[in-house]
Amino acid sequence: NYVLLSNQEKKMILEWRNHTNNRKWMFNQNIILLDNHLNFIESL
């Protein structure tokens, strides 16, 4: 689960999500900033 990830793992999966190969197929195609990503995981 995302809430168990290390900081390195959180950054890694954000890089994958932000890669154009992945985000071009998503509803939200904007690049997500690290702080927003970390806040999202905390909200989970």
All heavy atoms as atom14 arrays in JSON, in Angstrom:
{
  "sequence": "NYVLLSNQEKKMILEWRNHTNNRKWMFNQNIILLDNHLNFIESL",
  "atom14_mask": [
    [1, 1, 1, 1, 1, 1, 1, 1, 0, 0, 0, 0, 0, 0],
    [1, 1, 1, 1, 1, 1, 1, 1, 1, 1, 1, 1, 0, 0],
    [1, 1, 1, 1, 1, 1, 1, 0, 0, 0, 0, 0, 0, 0],
    [1, 1, 1, 1, 1, 1, 1, 1, 0, 0, 0, 0, 0, 0],
    [1, 1, 1, 1, 1, 1, 1, 1, 0, 0, 0, 0, 0, 0],
    [1, 1, 1, 1, 1, 1, 0, 0, 0, 0, 0, 0, 0, 0],
    [1, 1, 1, 1, 1, 1, 1, 1, 0, 0, 0, 0, 0, 0],
    [1, 1, 1, 1, 1, 1, 1, 1, 1, 0, 0, 0, 0, 0],
    [1, 1, 1, 1, 1, 1, 1, 1, 1, 0, 0, 0, 0, 0],
    [1, 1, 1, 1, 1, 1, 1, 1, 1, 0, 0, 0, 0, 0],
    [1, 1, 1, 1, 1, 1, 1, 1, 1, 0, 0, 0, 0, 0],
    [1, 1, 1, 1, 1, 1, 1, 1, 0, 0, 0, 0, 0, 0],
    [1, 1, 1, 1, 1, 1, 1, 1, 0, 0, 0, 0, 0, 0],
    [1, 1, 1, 1, 1, 1, 1, 1, 0, 0, 0, 0, 0, 0],
    [1, 1, 1, 1, 1, 1, 1, 1, 1, 0, 0, 0, 0, 0],
    [1, 1, 1, 1, 1, 1, 1, 1, 1, 1, 1, 1, 1, 1],
    [1, 1, 1, 1, 1, 1, 1, 1, 1, 1, 1, 0, 0, 0],
    [1, 1, 1, 1, 1, 1, 1, 1, 0, 0, 0, 0, 0, 0],
    [1, 1, 1, 1, 1, 1, 1, 1, 1, 1, 0, 0, 0, 0],
    [1, 1, 1, 1, 1, 1, 1, 0, 0, 0, 0, 0, 0, 0],
    [1, 1, 1, 1, 1, 1, 1, 1, 0, 0, 0, 0, 0, 0],
    [1, 1, 1, 1, 1, 1, 1, 1, 0, 0, 0, 0, 0, 0],
    [1, 1, 1, 1, 1, 1, 1, 1, 1, 1, 1, 0, 0, 0],
    [1, 1, 1, 1, 1, 1, 1, 1, 1, 0, 0, 0, 0, 0],
    [1, 1, 1, 1, 1, 1, 1, 1, 1, 1, 1, 1, 1, 1],
    [1, 1, 1, 1, 1, 1, 1, 1, 0, 0, 0, 0, 0, 0],
    [1, 1, 1, 1, 1, 1, 1, 1, 1, 1, 1, 0, 0, 0],
    [1, 1, 1, 1, 1, 1, 1, 1, 0, 0, 0, 0, 0, 0],
    [1, 1, 1, 1, 1, 1, 1, 1, 1, 0, 0, 0, 0, 0],
    [1, 1, 1, 1, 1, 1, 1, 1, 0, 0, 0, 0, 0, 0],
    [1, 1, 1, 1, 1, 1, 1, 1, 0, 0, 0, 0, 0, 0],
    [1, 1, 1, 1, 1, 1, 1, 1, 0, 0, 0, 0, 0, 0],
    [1, 1, 1, 1, 1, 1, 1, 1, 0, 0, 0, 0, 0, 0],
    [1, 1, 1, 1, 1, 1, 1, 1, 0, 0, 0, 0, 0, 0],
    [1, 1, 1, 1, 1, 1, 1, 1, 0, 0, 0, 0, 0, 0],
    [1, 1, 1, 1, 1, 1, 1, 1, 0, 0, 0, 0, 0, 0],
    [1, 1, 1, 1, 1, 1, 1, 1, 1, 1, 0, 0, 0, 0],
    [1, 1, 1, 1, 1, 1, 1, 1, 0, 0, 0, 0, 0, 0],
    [1, 1, 1, 1, 1, 1, 1, 1, 0, 0, 0, 0, 0, 0],
    [1, 1, 1, 1, 1, 1, 1, 1, 1, 1, 1, 0, 0, 0],
    [1, 1, 1, 1, 1, 1, 1, 1, 0, 0, 0, 0, 0, 0],
    [1, 1, 1, 1, 1, 1, 1, 1, 1, 0, 0, 0, 0, 0],
    [1, 1, 1, 1, 1, 1, 0, 0, 0, 0, 0, 0, 0, 0],
    [1, 1, 1, 1, 1, 1, 1, 1, 0, 0, 0, 0, 0, 0]
  ],
  "atom14_positions": [
    [[0.82, -1.21, 0.0], [0.0, 0.0, 0.0], [0.86, 1.26, 0.0], [1.93, 1.3, 0.61], [-0.92, -0.01, 1.22], [-2.06, 0.96, 1.09], [-1.9, 2.16, 1.27], [-3.23, 0.45, 0.74], [0.0, 0.0, 0.0], [0.0, 0.0, 0.0], [0.0, 0.0, 0.0], [0.0, 0.0, 0.0], [0.0, 0.0, 0.0], [0.0, 0.0, 0.0]],
    [[0.37, 2.28, -0.69], [1.1, 3.54, -0.78], [1.48, 4.1, 0.6], [2.52, 4.73, 0.75], [0.27, 4.6, -1.52], [0.37, 4.58, -3.02], [0.76, 3.43, -3.73], [0.05, 5.72, -3.76], [0.83, 3.44, -5.12], [0.12, 5.73, -5.15], [0.5, 4.59, -5.83], [0.57, 4.61, -7.19], [0.0, 0.0, 0.0], [0.0, 0.0, 0.0]],
    [[0.61, 3.91, 1.59], [0.88, 4.49, 2.9], [2.06, 3.83, 3.59], [2.59, 4.37, 4.57], [-0.37, 4.43, 3.81], [-1.55, 5.14, 3.15], [-0.73, 3.01, 4.19], [0.0, 0.0, 0.0], [0.0, 0.0, 0.0], [0.0, 0.0, 0.0], [0.0, 0.0, 0.0], [0.0, 0.0, 0.0], [0.0, 0.0, 0.0], [0.0, 0.0, 0.0]],
    [[2.52, 2.69, 3.09], [3.65, 1.96, 3.67], [4.96, 2.21, 2.92], [6.01, 1.72, 3.33], [3.37, 0.46, 3.68], [2.11, -0.01, 4.42], [1.95, -1.51, 4.27], [2.19, 0.37, 5.9], [0.0, 0.0, 0.0], [0.0, 0.0, 0.0], [0.0, 0.0, 0.0], [0.0, 0.0, 0.0], [0.0, 0.0, 0.0], [0.0, 0.0, 0.0]],
    [[4.9, 2.96, 1.84], [6.07, 3.13, 1.0], [7.13, 4.0, 1.66], [6.82, 4.92, 2.4], [5.68, 3.77, -0.34], [4.68, 3.0, -1.21], [4.46, 3.74, -2.53], [5.14, 1.57, -1.47], [0.0, 0.0, 0.0], [0.0, 0.0, 0.0], [0.0, 0.0, 0.0], [0.0, 0.0, 0.0], [0.0, 0.0, 0.0], [0.0, 0.0, 0.0]],
    [[8.38, 3.7, 1.33], [9.48, 4.57, 1.74], [9.45, 5.84, 0.9], [8.75, 5.91, -0.13], [10.82, 3.85, 1.55], [11.06, 3.65, 0.16], [0.0, 0.0, 0.0], [0.0, 0.0, 0.0], [0.0, 0.0, 0.0], [0.0, 0.0, 0.0], [0.0, 0.0, 0.0], [0.0, 0.0, 0.0], [0.0, 0.0, 0.0], [0.0, 0.0, 0.0]],
    [[10.18, 6.86, 1.32], [10.23, 8.09, 0.54], [10.76, 7.83, -0.87], [10.27, 8.42, -1.84], [11.1, 9.13, 1.25], [10.43, 9.7, 2.49], [9.21, 9.71, 2.58], [11.24, 10.17, 3.43], [0.0, 0.0, 0.0], [0.0, 0.0, 0.0], [0.0, 0.0, 0.0], [0.0, 0.0, 0.0], [0.0, 0.0, 0.0], [0.0, 0.0, 0.0]],
    [[11.73, 6.95, -0.99], [12.29, 6.62, -2.3], [11.23, 5.96, -3.18], [11.12, 6.26, -4.37], [13.49, 5.7, -2.14], [14.15, 5.33, -3.47], [15.36, 4.42, -3.27], [15.74, 4.1, -2.15], [15.96, 4.0, -4.37], [0.0, 0.0, 0.0], [0.0, 0.0, 0.0], [0.0, 0.0, 0.0], [0.0, 0.0, 0.0], [0.0, 0.0, 0.0]],
    [[10.44, 5.05, -2.61], [9.39, 4.38, -3.37], [8.29, 5.36, -3.78], [7.74, 5.26, -4.88], [8.8, 3.23, -2.54], [9.76, 2.05, -2.38], [9.26, 1.03, -1.38], [8.57, 1.42, -0.41], [9.59, -0.16, -1.54], [0.0, 0.0, 0.0], [0.0, 0.0, 0.0], [0.0, 0.0, 0.0], [0.0, 0.0, 0.0], [0.0, 0.0, 0.0]],
    [[7.97, 6.29, -2.9], [6.95, 7.3, -3.23], [7.4, 8.15, -4.41], [6.61, 8.46, -5.3], [6.67, 8.18, -2.01], [5.95, 7.47, -0.87], [5.84, 8.38, 0.35], [5.19, 7.64, 1.51], [5.13, 8.47, 2.75], [0.0, 0.0, 0.0], [0.0, 0.0, 0.0], [0.0, 0.0, 0.0], [0.0, 0.0, 0.0], [0.0, 0.0, 0.0]],
    [[8.66, 8.54, -4.42], [9.19, 9.34, -5.52], [9.23, 8.52, -6.81], [8.93, 9.03, -7.9], [10.59, 9.85, -5.17], [10.6, 10.88, -4.06], [12.03, 11.31, -3.71], [12.04, 12.32, -2.58], [13.43, 12.7, -2.19], [0.0, 0.0, 0.0], [0.0, 0.0, 0.0], [0.0, 0.0, 0.0], [0.0, 0.0, 0.0], [0.0, 0.0, 0.0]],
    [[9.59, 7.26, -6.7], [9.68, 6.38, -7.86], [8.34, 6.22, -8.55], [8.22, 6.37, -9.77], [10.21, 5.01, -7.44], [10.24, 3.95, -8.56], [10.72, 2.32, -7.9], [9.31, 1.96, -6.81], [0.0, 0.0, 0.0], [0.0, 0.0, 0.0], [0.0, 0.0, 0.0], [0.0, 0.0, 0.0], [0.0, 0.0, 0.0], [0.0, 0.0, 0.0]],
    [[7.3, 5.95, -7.78], [6.0, 5.7, -8.39], [5.4, 6.99, -8.94], [4.64, 6.97, -9.92], [5.04, 4.99, -7.39], [3.99, 4.19, -8.17], [4.41, 5.97, -6.42], [3.34, 3.1, -7.39], [0.0, 0.0, 0.0], [0.0, 0.0, 0.0], [0.0, 0.0, 0.0], [0.0, 0.0, 0.0], [0.0, 0.0, 0.0], [0.0, 0.0, 0.0]],
    [[5.77, 8.13, -8.34], [5.34, 9.42, -8.9], [6.0, 9.65, -10.26], [5.35, 10.14, -11.19], [5.69, 10.55, -7.94], [5.38, 11.96, -8.45], [3.89, 12.14, -8.7], [5.9, 13.01, -7.46], [0.0, 0.0, 0.0], [0.0, 0.0, 0.0], [0.0, 0.0, 0.0], [0.0, 0.0, 0.0], [0.0, 0.0, 0.0], [0.0, 0.0, 0.0]],
    [[7.27, 9.32, -10.38], [7.96, 9.46, -11.66], [7.3, 8.59, -12.73], [7.14, 9.03, -13.88], [9.43, 9.07, -11.51], [10.25, 10.07, -10.7], [11.67, 9.62, -10.48], [12.05, 8.52, -10.96], [12.43, 10.34, -9.81], [0.0, 0.0, 0.0], [0.0, 0.0, 0.0], [0.0, 0.0, 0.0], [0.0, 0.0, 0.0], [0.0, 0.0, 0.0]],
    [[6.9, 7.39, -12.37], [6.21, 6.52, -13.34], [4.89, 7.14, -13.75], [4.54, 7.17, -14.93], [5.94, 5.15, -12.72], [7.14, 4.34, -12.4], [8.44, 4.58, -12.77], [7.17, 3.14, -11.63], [9.25, 3.61, -12.28], [8.52, 2.71, -11.58], [6.19, 2.38, -10.99], [8.89, 1.55, -10.92], [6.56, 1.23, -10.32], [7.9, 0.82, -10.28]],
    [[4.13, 7.61, -12.78], [2.81, 8.19, -13.06], [2.94, 9.44, -13.93], [2.11, 9.68, -14.81], [2.11, 8.52, -11.74], [0.66, 9.02, -11.92], [0.64, 10.54, -12.01], [-0.66, 11.01, -12.44], [-0.83, 12.07, -13.21], [0.19, 12.75, -13.67], [-2.05, 12.45, -13.55], [0.0, 0.0, 0.0], [0.0, 0.0, 0.0], [0.0, 0.0, 0.0]],
    [[3.97, 10.23, -13.7], [4.15, 11.47, -14.45], [4.76, 11.26, -15.83], [4.77, 12.19, -16.65], [5.04, 12.44, -13.66], [4.27, 13.19, -12.59], [3.04, 13.3, -12.64], [4.99, 13.71, -11.6], [0.0, 0.0, 0.0], [0.0, 0.0, 0.0], [0.0, 0.0, 0.0], [0.0, 0.0, 0.0], [0.0, 0.0, 0.0], [0.0, 0.0, 0.0]],
    [[5.27, 10.08, -16.09], [5.86, 9.8, -17.4], [4.78, 9.92, -18.48], [3.64, 9.46, -18.29], [6.47, 8.41, -17.42], [7.37, 8.15, -18.59], [6.88, 7.86, -19.85], [8.73, 8.11, -18.69], [7.89, 7.66, -20.68], [9.03, 7.81, -20.01], [0.0, 0.0, 0.0], [0.0, 0.0, 0.0], [0.0, 0.0, 0.0], [0.0, 0.0, 0.0]],
    [[5.13, 10.49, -19.6], [4.13, 10.73, -20.65], [3.46, 9.45, -21.12], [2.28, 9.47, -21.51], [4.79, 11.46, -21.86], [3.79, 11.75, -22.83], [5.88, 10.6, -22.48], [0.0, 0.0, 0.0], [0.0, 0.0, 0.0], [0.0, 0.0, 0.0], [0.0, 0.0, 0.0], [0.0, 0.0, 0.0], [0.0, 0.0, 0.0], [0.0, 0.0, 0.0]],
    [[4.15, 8.31, -21.08], [3.55, 7.04, -21.5], [2.36, 6.65, -20.64], [1.47, 5.92, -21.09], [4.58, 5.91, -21.45], [5.57, 5.97, -22.59], [5.54, 6.9, -23.41], [6.47, 5.0, -22.65], [0.0, 0.0, 0.0], [0.0, 0.0, 0.0], [0.0, 0.0, 0.0], [0.0, 0.0, 0.0], [0.0, 0.0, 0.0], [0.0, 0.0, 0.0]],
    [[2.32, 7.13, -19.4], [1.23, 6.79, -18.5], [0.21, 7.92, -18.36], [-1.0, 7.7, -18.49], [1.78, 6.42, -17.12], [2.48, 5.08, -17.11], [2.04, 4.13, -17.77], [3.58, 4.97, -16.38], [0.0, 0.0, 0.0], [0.0, 0.0, 0.0], [0.0, 0.0, 0.0], [0.0, 0.0, 0.0], [0.0, 0.0, 0.0], [0.0, 0.0, 0.0]],
    [[0.69, 9.13, -18.12], [-0.29, 10.2, -17.84], [-1.12, 10.59, -19.06], [-2.2, 11.16, -18.91], [0.4, 11.41, -17.22], [1.41, 12.13, -18.07], [2.07, 13.26, -17.26], [3.17, 13.87, -17.98], [3.03, 14.87, -18.85], [1.83, 15.37, -19.11], [4.08, 15.36, -19.47], [0.0, 0.0, 0.0], [0.0, 0.0, 0.0], [0.0, 0.0, 0.0]],
    [[-0.66, 10.28, -20.27], [-1.44, 10.64, -21.45], [-2.75, 9.87, -21.53], [-3.65, 10.25, -22.29], [-0.63, 10.4, -22.72], [-0.34, 8.94, -23.03], [0.5, 8.8, -24.3], [0.81, 7.35, -24.63], [1.64, 7.23, -25.85], [0.0, 0.0, 0.0], [0.0, 0.0, 0.0], [0.0, 0.0, 0.0], [0.0, 0.0, 0.0], [0.0, 0.0, 0.0]],
    [[-2.88, 8.78, -20.75], [-4.12, 8.0, -20.76], [-5.01, 8.28, -19.56], [-6.01, 7.61, -19.35], [-3.79, 6.5, -20.8], [-2.95, 6.08, -21.97], [-1.76, 5.42, -21.92], [-3.23, 6.27, -23.37], [-1.28, 5.19, -23.19], [-2.15, 5.71, -24.1], [-4.27, 6.87, -24.07], [-2.1, 5.73, -25.49], [-4.21, 6.9, -25.46], [-3.15, 6.33, -26.15]],
    [[-4.64, 9.24, -18.73], [-5.36, 9.49, -17.49], [-6.31, 10.68, -17.61], [-6.12, 11.55, -18.45], [-4.36, 9.72, -16.35], [-3.48, 8.53, -16.07], [-2.36, 8.81, -14.68], [-1.55, 7.2, -14.59], [0.0, 0.0, 0.0], [0.0, 0.0, 0.0], [0.0, 0.0, 0.0], [0.0, 0.0, 0.0], [0.0, 0.0, 0.0], [0.0, 0.0, 0.0]],
    [[-7.31, 10.71, -16.73], [-8.22, 11.85, -16.67], [-7.45, 13.12, -16.35], [-7.67, 14.17, -16.96], [-9.31, 11.62, -15.62], [-10.41, 10.69, -16.05], [-10.55, 9.45, -15.46], [-11.29, 11.06, -17.05], [-11.57, 8.59, -15.86], [-12.31, 10.21, -17.46], [-12.45, 8.97, -16.86], [0.0, 0.0, 0.0], [0.0, 0.0, 0.0], [0.0, 0.0, 0.0]],
    [[-6.56, 13.02, -15.38], [-5.71, 14.16, -15.02], [-4.36, 13.95, -15.69], [-3.55, 13.14, -15.25], [-5.56, 14.25, -13.5], [-4.62, 15.38, -13.09], [-4.25, 16.24, -13.91], [-4.24, 15.4, -11.83], [0.0, 0.0, 0.0], [0.0, 0.0, 0.0], [0.0, 0.0, 0.0], [0.0, 0.0, 0.0], [0.0, 0.0, 0.0], [0.0, 0.0, 0.0]],
    [[-4.11, 14.72, -16.74], [-2.88, 14.55, -17.49], [-1.8, 15.55, -17.07], [-0.73, 15.59, -17.69], [-3.16, 14.67, -18.99], [-4.1, 13.58, -19.49], [-4.29, 13.6, -21.0], [-3.78, 14.46, -21.7], [-5.04, 12.63, -21.5], [0.0, 0.0, 0.0], [0.0, 0.0, 0.0], [0.0, 0.0, 0.0], [0.0, 0.0, 0.0], [0.0, 0.0, 0.0]],
    [[-2.07, 16.29, -16.03], [-1.07, 17.23, -15.53], [0.03, 16.5, -14.77], [-0.19, 15.42, -14.21], [-1.71, 18.25, -14.59], [-2.73, 19.11, -15.3], [-2.53, 19.5, -16.44], [-3.84, 19.41, -14.63], [0.0, 0.0, 0.0], [0.0, 0.0, 0.0], [0.0, 0.0, 0.0], [0.0, 0.0, 0.0], [0.0, 0.0, 0.0], [0.0, 0.0, 0.0]],
    [[1.22, 17.07, -14.76], [2.3, 16.54, -13.95], [2.01, 16.86, -12.49], [1.71, 18.0, -12.14], [3.65, 17.14, -14.38], [4.03, 16.62, -15.77], [4.74, 16.81, -13.37], [5.32, 17.2, -16.32], [0.0, 0.0, 0.0], [0.0, 0.0, 0.0], [0.0, 0.0, 0.0], [0.0, 0.0, 0.0], [0.0, 0.0, 0.0], [0.0, 0.0, 0.0]],
    [[2.06, 15.85, -11.64], [1.77, 16.02, -10.22], [3.07, 16.36, -9.49], [4.09, 15.68, -9.65], [1.14, 14.75, -9.64], [-0.23, 14.5, -10.29], [1.0, 14.86, -8.13], [-0.9, 13.23, -9.84], [0.0, 0.0, 0.0], [0.0, 0.0, 0.0], [0.0, 0.0, 0.0], [0.0, 0.0, 0.0], [0.0, 0.0, 0.0], [0.0, 0.0, 0.0]],
    [[3.04, 17.42, -8.69], [4.2, 17.83, -7.92], [4.4, 16.92, -6.72], [3.44, 16.33, -6.19], [4.04, 19.28, -7.45], [3.87, 20.33, -8.57], [3.67, 21.71, -7.95], [5.07, 20.32, -9.51], [0.0, 0.0, 0.0], [0.0, 0.0, 0.0], [0.0, 0.0, 0.0], [0.0, 0.0, 0.0], [0.0, 0.0, 0.0], [0.0, 0.0, 0.0]],
    [[5.64, 16.8, -6.28], [5.97, 15.88, -5.19], [5.19, 16.2, -3.92], [4.64, 15.29, -3.27], [7.47, 15.9, -4.91], [7.95, 15.02, -3.75], [7.6, 13.56, -4.0], [9.45, 15.19, -3.53], [0.0, 0.0, 0.0], [0.0, 0.0, 0.0], [0.0, 0.0, 0.0], [0.0, 0.0, 0.0], [0.0, 0.0, 0.0], [0.0, 0.0, 0.0]],
    [[5.1, 17.46, -3.54], [4.38, 17.81, -2.31], [2.91, 17.39, -2.4], [2.35, 16.88, -1.43], [4.47, 19.31, -2.04], [5.84, 19.71, -1.5], [6.61, 18.82, -1.1], [6.14, 20.92, -1.48], [0.0, 0.0, 0.0], [0.0, 0.0, 0.0], [0.0, 0.0, 0.0], [0.0, 0.0, 0.0], [0.0, 0.0, 0.0], [0.0, 0.0, 0.0]],
    [[2.31, 17.6, -3.57], [0.91, 17.19, -3.75], [0.77, 15.68, -3.67], [-0.21, 15.15, -3.12], [0.39, 17.7, -5.09], [0.27, 19.21, -5.13], [0.2, 19.86, -4.09], [0.26, 19.78, -6.32], [0.0, 0.0, 0.0], [0.0, 0.0, 0.0], [0.0, 0.0, 0.0], [0.0, 0.0, 0.0], [0.0, 0.0, 0.0], [0.0, 0.0, 0.0]],
    [[1.74, 14.98, -4.24], [1.74, 13.51, -4.2], [1.84, 13.01, -2.76], [1.08, 12.11, -2.35], [2.92, 13.01, -5.04], [3.12, 11.54, -5.03], [2.2, 10.65, -5.54], [4.18, 10.79, -4.61], [2.67, 9.42, -5.42], [3.86, 9.48, -4.86], [0.0, 0.0, 0.0], [0.0, 0.0, 0.0], [0.0, 0.0, 0.0], [0.0, 0.0, 0.0]],
    [[2.73, 13.59, -1.99], [2.91, 13.17, -0.6], [1.67, 13.49, 0.23], [1.26, 12.69, 1.08], [4.14, 13.85, 0.0], [5.48, 13.48, -0.65], [6.61, 14.28, -0.02], [5.75, 11.99, -0.57], [0.0, 0.0, 0.0], [0.0, 0.0, 0.0], [0.0, 0.0, 0.0], [0.0, 0.0, 0.0], [0.0, 0.0, 0.0], [0.0, 0.0, 0.0]],
    [[1.05, 14.63, -0.02], [-0.18, 14.99, 0.69], [-1.32, 14.04, 0.33], [-2.13, 13.67, 1.18], [-0.59, 16.42, 0.38], [0.34, 17.44, 1.01], [0.98, 17.16, 2.02], [0.42, 18.63, 0.43], [0.0, 0.0, 0.0], [0.0, 0.0, 0.0], [0.0, 0.0, 0.0], [0.0, 0.0, 0.0], [0.0, 0.0, 0.0], [0.0, 0.0, 0.0]],
    [[-1.35, 13.64, -0.96], [-2.38, 12.69, -1.39], [-2.21, 11.35, -0.67], [-3.19, 10.77, -0.18], [-2.29, 12.49, -2.9], [-3.15, 11.37, -3.42], [-4.52, 11.5, -3.48], [-2.58, 10.16, -3.84], [-5.33, 10.46, -3.94], [-3.37, 9.13, -4.3], [-4.74, 9.28, -4.35], [0.0, 0.0, 0.0], [0.0, 0.0, 0.0], [0.0, 0.0, 0.0]],
    [[-0.99, 10.86, -0.59], [-0.74, 9.59, 0.1], [-1.14, 9.7, 1.56], [-1.75, 8.77, 2.12], [0.73, 9.17, -0.05], [1.03, 8.81, -1.51], [1.06, 8.0, 0.87], [2.48, 8.46, -1.79], [0.0, 0.0, 0.0], [0.0, 0.0, 0.0], [0.0, 0.0, 0.0], [0.0, 0.0, 0.0], [0.0, 0.0, 0.0], [0.0, 0.0, 0.0]],
    [[-0.83, 10.82, 2.17], [-1.22, 11.01, 3.57], [-2.74, 10.97, 3.73], [-3.26, 10.4, 4.7], [-0.67, 12.35, 4.08], [-0.83, 12.57, 5.57], [-0.01, 11.61, 6.42], [0.99, 11.06, 5.93], [-0.39, 11.41, 7.6], [0.0, 0.0, 0.0], [0.0, 0.0, 0.0], [0.0, 0.0, 0.0], [0.0, 0.0, 0.0], [0.0, 0.0, 0.0]],
    [[-3.46, 11.54, 2.76], [-4.93, 11.56, 2.83], [-5.53, 10.17, 2.69], [-6.66, 9.92, 3.15], [-5.5, 12.49, 1.76], [-5.41, 11.9, 0.46], [0.0, 0.0, 0.0], [0.0, 0.0, 0.0], [0.0, 0.0, 0.0], [0.0, 0.0, 0.0], [0.0, 0.0, 0.0], [0.0, 0.0, 0.0], [0.0, 0.0, 0.0], [0.0, 0.0, 0.0]],
    [[-4.81, 9.26, 2.05], [-5.32, 7.91, 1.85], [-5.51, 7.15, 3.17], [-6.29, 6.2, 3.24], [-4.39, 7.1, 0.93], [-4.36, 7.52, -0.54], [-3.28, 6.74, -1.29], [-5.72, 7.31, -1.2], [0.0, 0.0, 0.0], [0.0, 0.0, 0.0], [0.0, 0.0, 0.0], [0.0, 0.0, 0.0], [0.0, 0.0, 0.0], [0.0, 0.0, 0.0]]
  ]
}
